[in-house]
Amino acid sequence: FNVSGSAPKYACRAWVNFNGTGTVAIRASGNVSSVTDNGTGQYTINFATDMPDSDYAWAGSAKSNQTSTTTRAVVHTNTTMTQTASALPLIVTMGENATGANDSSVVCVSVFR
């Protein structure tokens, strides 16, 4: 790392940019072996090298497929599946209340530990 200061430095351990519509396809990634399509708007990010444990933090974003300028896309944990050292299950929701899973043409996720 080439950063200055005395605060601890934490690296991104995995990241991915993928197309979540139709046949899921990774555009670019680091330490991600594949993305599994679990159904409409539901994905699993599979790591090439496992995290030390399942206590990692992650951040995600997605492109809304809605035409309204106020519609948001939200990426959140799939509560029916467990976050593990080897995989991160996610759901993308859209709409004014961000309910219901929806495919997105751009999904980006970063993982830190």
C-alpha atoms as a PDB file:
ATOM      1  CA  PHE A   1       0.000   0.000   0.000  1.00  0.00           C
ATOM      2  CA  ASN A   2       1.288   3.429  -0.768  1.00  0.00           C
ATOM      3  CA  VAL A   3      -0.834   5.521   1.587  1.00  0.00           C
ATOM      4  CA  SER A   4       0.385   7.730   4.395  1.00  0.00           C
ATOM      5  CA  GLY A   5      -0.828   8.168   7.945  1.00  0.00           C
ATOM      6  CA  SER A   6      -1.064   6.007  11.034  1.00  0.00           C
ATOM      7  CA  ALA A   7      -4.621   4.684  10.595  1.00  0.00           C
ATOM      8  CA  PRO A   8      -4.863   0.961   9.719  1.00  0.00           C
ATOM      9  CA  LYS A   9      -5.047   0.045   6.051  1.00  0.00           C
ATOM     10  CA  TYR A  10      -7.568  -2.499   4.784  1.00  0.00           C
ATOM     11  CA  ALA A  11      -7.583  -3.823   1.269  1.00  0.00           C
ATOM     12  CA  CYS A  12     -10.511  -4.818  -0.872  1.00  0.00           C
ATOM     13  CA  ARG A  13     -10.364  -8.627  -0.849  1.00  0.00           C
ATOM     14  CA  ALA A  14     -12.824  -9.197  -3.696  1.00  0.00           C
ATOM     15  CA  TRP A  15     -14.795  -7.130  -6.202  1.00  0.00           C
ATOM     16  CA  VAL A  16     -17.005  -7.749  -9.208  1.00  0.00           C
ATOM     17  CA  ASN A  17     -18.922  -5.875 -11.892  1.00  0.00           C
ATOM     18  CA  PHE A  18     -21.438  -8.131 -13.638  1.00  0.00           C
ATOM     19  CA  ASN A  19     -24.482  -8.166 -15.893  1.00  0.00           C
ATOM     20  CA  GLY A  20     -27.335  -9.713 -13.924  1.00  0.00           C
ATOM     21  CA  THR A  21     -29.848  -9.933 -16.782  1.00  0.00           C
ATOM     22  CA  GLY A  22     -30.329 -12.967 -19.015  1.00  0.00           C
ATOM     23  CA  THR A  23     -27.245 -15.156 -18.709  1.00  0.00           C
ATOM     24  CA  VAL A  24     -25.239 -13.641 -15.850  1.00  0.00           C
ATOM     25  CA  ALA A  25     -21.832 -12.477 -17.087  1.00  0.00           C
ATOM     26  CA  ILE A  26     -18.859 -11.022 -15.208  1.00  0.00           C
ATOM     27  CA  ARG A  27     -17.463  -7.907 -16.895  1.00  0.00           C
ATOM     28  CA  ALA A  28     -14.468  -7.549 -14.577  1.00  0.00           C
ATOM     29  CA  SER A  29     -13.520  -8.889 -11.153  1.00  0.00           C
ATOM     30  CA  GLY A  30     -10.855  -9.587  -8.592  1.00  0.00           C
ATOM     31  CA  ASN A  31     -10.910 -12.769  -6.462  1.00  0.00           C
ATOM     32  CA  VAL A  32     -14.345 -13.735  -7.796  1.00  0.00           C
ATOM     33  CA  SER A  33     -14.520 -17.110  -9.526  1.00  0.00           C
ATOM     34  CA  SER A  34     -18.151 -16.876 -10.641  1.00  0.00           C
ATOM     35  CA  VAL A  35     -21.576 -15.378 -10.045  1.00  0.00           C
ATOM     36  CA  THR A  36     -24.476 -17.802  -9.658  1.00  0.00           C
ATOM     37  CA  ASP A  37     -27.941 -16.779 -10.866  1.00  0.00           C
ATOM     38  CA  ASN A  38     -30.373 -18.000  -8.164  1.00  0.00           C
ATOM     39  CA  GLY A  39     -33.489 -16.591  -9.835  1.00  0.00           C
ATOM     40  CA  THR A  40     -34.812 -13.137 -10.659  1.00  0.00           C
ATOM     41  CA  GLY A  41     -32.639 -10.552  -8.894  1.00  0.00           C
ATOM     42  CA  GLN A  42     -30.940 -13.183  -6.729  1.00  0.00           C
ATOM     43  CA  TYR A  43     -27.222 -13.866  -7.071  1.00  0.00           C
ATOM     44  CA  THR A  44     -24.353 -15.548  -5.254  1.00  0.00           C
ATOM     45  CA  ILE A  45     -20.854 -14.090  -5.518  1.00  0.00           C
ATOM     46  CA  ASN A  46     -18.369 -17.004  -5.316  1.00  0.00           C
ATOM     47  CA  PHE A  47     -14.827 -16.184  -4.205  1.00  0.00           C
ATOM     48  CA  ALA A  48     -11.765 -17.645  -5.944  1.00  0.00           C
ATOM     49  CA  THR A  49      -9.936 -17.641  -2.592  1.00  0.00           C
ATOM     50  CA  ASP A  50     -12.062 -17.854   0.558  1.00  0.00           C
ATOM     51  CA  MET A  51     -12.244 -15.022   3.070  1.00  0.00           C
ATOM     52  CA  PRO A  52     -10.658 -15.792   6.484  1.00  0.00           C
ATOM     53  CA  ASP A  53     -14.209 -16.162   7.884  1.00  0.00           C
ATOM     54  CA  SER A  54     -17.756 -14.991   7.171  1.00  0.00           C
ATOM     55  CA  ASP A  55     -17.421 -11.739   9.152  1.00  0.00           C
ATOM     56  CA  TYR A  56     -16.447  -9.554   6.195  1.00  0.00           C
ATOM     57  CA  ALA A  57     -18.084  -6.292   5.196  1.00  0.00           C
ATOM     58  CA  TRP A  58     -19.359  -5.620   1.703  1.00  0.00           C
ATOM     59  CA  ALA A  59     -20.903  -2.818  -0.312  1.00  0.00           C
ATOM     60  CA  GLY A  60     -22.977  -3.107  -3.458  1.00  0.00           C
ATOM     61  CA  SER A  61     -24.747  -1.039  -6.055  1.00  0.00           C
ATOM     62  CA  ALA A  62     -26.997  -1.795  -9.004  1.00  0.00           C
ATOM     63  CA  LYS A  63     -28.443   0.033 -11.973  1.00  0.00           C
ATOM     64  CA  SER A  64     -32.186   0.498 -11.849  1.00  0.00           C
ATOM     65  CA  ASN A  65     -34.096  -0.946 -14.796  1.00  0.00           C
ATOM     66  CA  GLN A  66     -37.060   1.318 -14.040  1.00  0.00           C
ATOM     67  CA  THR A  67     -37.794   4.399 -16.165  1.00  0.00           C
ATOM     68  CA  SER A  68     -38.699   6.701 -13.267  1.00  0.00           C
ATOM     69  CA  THR A  69     -35.908   9.052 -12.205  1.00  0.00           C
ATOM     70  CA  THR A  70     -36.853   8.485  -8.557  1.00  0.00           C
ATOM     71  CA  THR A  71     -36.654   4.698  -8.688  1.00  0.00           C
ATOM     72  CA  ARG A  72     -33.812   3.193  -6.720  1.00  0.00           C
ATOM     73  CA  ALA A  73     -32.047  -0.124  -6.868  1.00  0.00           C
ATOM     74  CA  VAL A  74     -30.969  -1.658  -3.566  1.00  0.00           C
ATOM     75  CA  VAL A  75     -28.484  -4.496  -3.114  1.00  0.00           C
ATOM     76  CA  HIS A  76     -28.904  -6.403   0.146  1.00  0.00           C
ATOM     77  CA  THR A  77     -28.186  -9.733   1.793  1.00  0.00           C
ATOM     78  CA  ASN A  78     -30.358 -12.676   0.819  1.00  0.00           C
ATOM     79  CA  THR A  79     -31.812 -13.641   4.208  1.00  0.00           C
ATOM     80  CA  THR A  80     -32.778 -17.119   3.022  1.00  0.00           C
ATOM     81  CA  MET A  81     -29.117 -17.981   2.375  1.00  0.00           C
ATOM     82  CA  THR A  82     -26.070 -17.705   4.648  1.00  0.00           C
ATOM     83  CA  GLN A  83     -23.048 -15.494   4.008  1.00  0.00           C
ATOM     84  CA  THR A  84     -20.015 -17.810   4.168  1.00  0.00           C
ATOM     85  CA  ALA A  85     -16.249 -17.506   3.787  1.00  0.00           C
ATOM     86  CA  SER A  86     -16.586 -18.774   0.214  1.00  0.00           C
ATOM     87  CA  ALA A  87     -19.738 -17.027  -1.039  1.00  0.00           C
ATOM     88  CA  LEU A  88     -21.966 -13.968  -0.630  1.00  0.00           C
ATOM     89  CA  PRO A  89     -25.678 -14.330  -1.516  1.00  0.00           C
ATOM     90  CA  LEU A  90     -27.373 -11.083  -2.609  1.00  0.00           C
ATOM     91  CA  ILE A  91     -30.707  -9.751  -3.801  1.00  0.00           C
ATOM     92  CA  VAL A  92     -31.373  -6.662  -5.944  1.00  0.00           C
ATOM     93  CA  THR A  93     -34.689  -4.907  -5.385  1.00  0.00           C
ATOM     94  CA  MET A  94     -36.119  -1.893  -7.215  1.00  0.00           C
ATOM     95  CA  GLY A  95     -39.051   0.466  -7.086  1.00  0.00           C
ATOM     96  CA  GLU A  96     -40.273   3.289  -4.923  1.00  0.00           C
ATOM     97  CA  ASN A  97     -40.298   0.976  -1.901  1.00  0.00           C
ATOM     98  CA  ALA A  98     -37.498  -1.269  -3.237  1.00  0.00           C
ATOM     99  CA  THR A  99     -39.597  -4.425  -2.911  1.00  0.00           C
ATOM    100  CA  GLY A 100     -39.472  -7.566  -5.014  1.00  0.00           C
ATOM    101  CA  ALA A 101     -36.322  -8.992  -6.564  1.00  0.00           C
ATOM    102  CA  ASN A 102     -35.327  -7.608  -9.965  1.00  0.00           C
ATOM    103  CA  ASP A 103     -32.551  -8.402 -12.422  1.00  0.00           C
ATOM    104  CA  SER A 104     -30.133  -5.543 -13.074  1.00  0.00           C
ATOM    105  CA  SER A 105     -27.859  -4.973 -16.065  1.00  0.00           C
ATOM    106  CA  VAL A 106     -25.112  -3.585 -13.810  1.00  0.00           C
ATOM    107  CA  VAL A 107     -24.352  -4.975 -10.345  1.00  0.00           C
ATOM    108  CA  CYS A 108     -21.132  -4.040  -8.531  1.00  0.00           C
ATOM    109  CA  VAL A 109     -19.922  -5.487  -5.225  1.00  0.00           C
ATOM    110  CA  SER A 110     -16.775  -4.902  -3.121  1.00  0.00           C
ATOM    111  CA  VAL A 111     -15.749  -7.081  -0.153  1.00  0.00           C
ATOM    112  CA  PHE A 112     -13.492  -5.975   2.723  1.00  0.00           C
ATOM    113  CA  ARG A 113     -11.949  -7.922   5.618  1.00  0.00           C
END
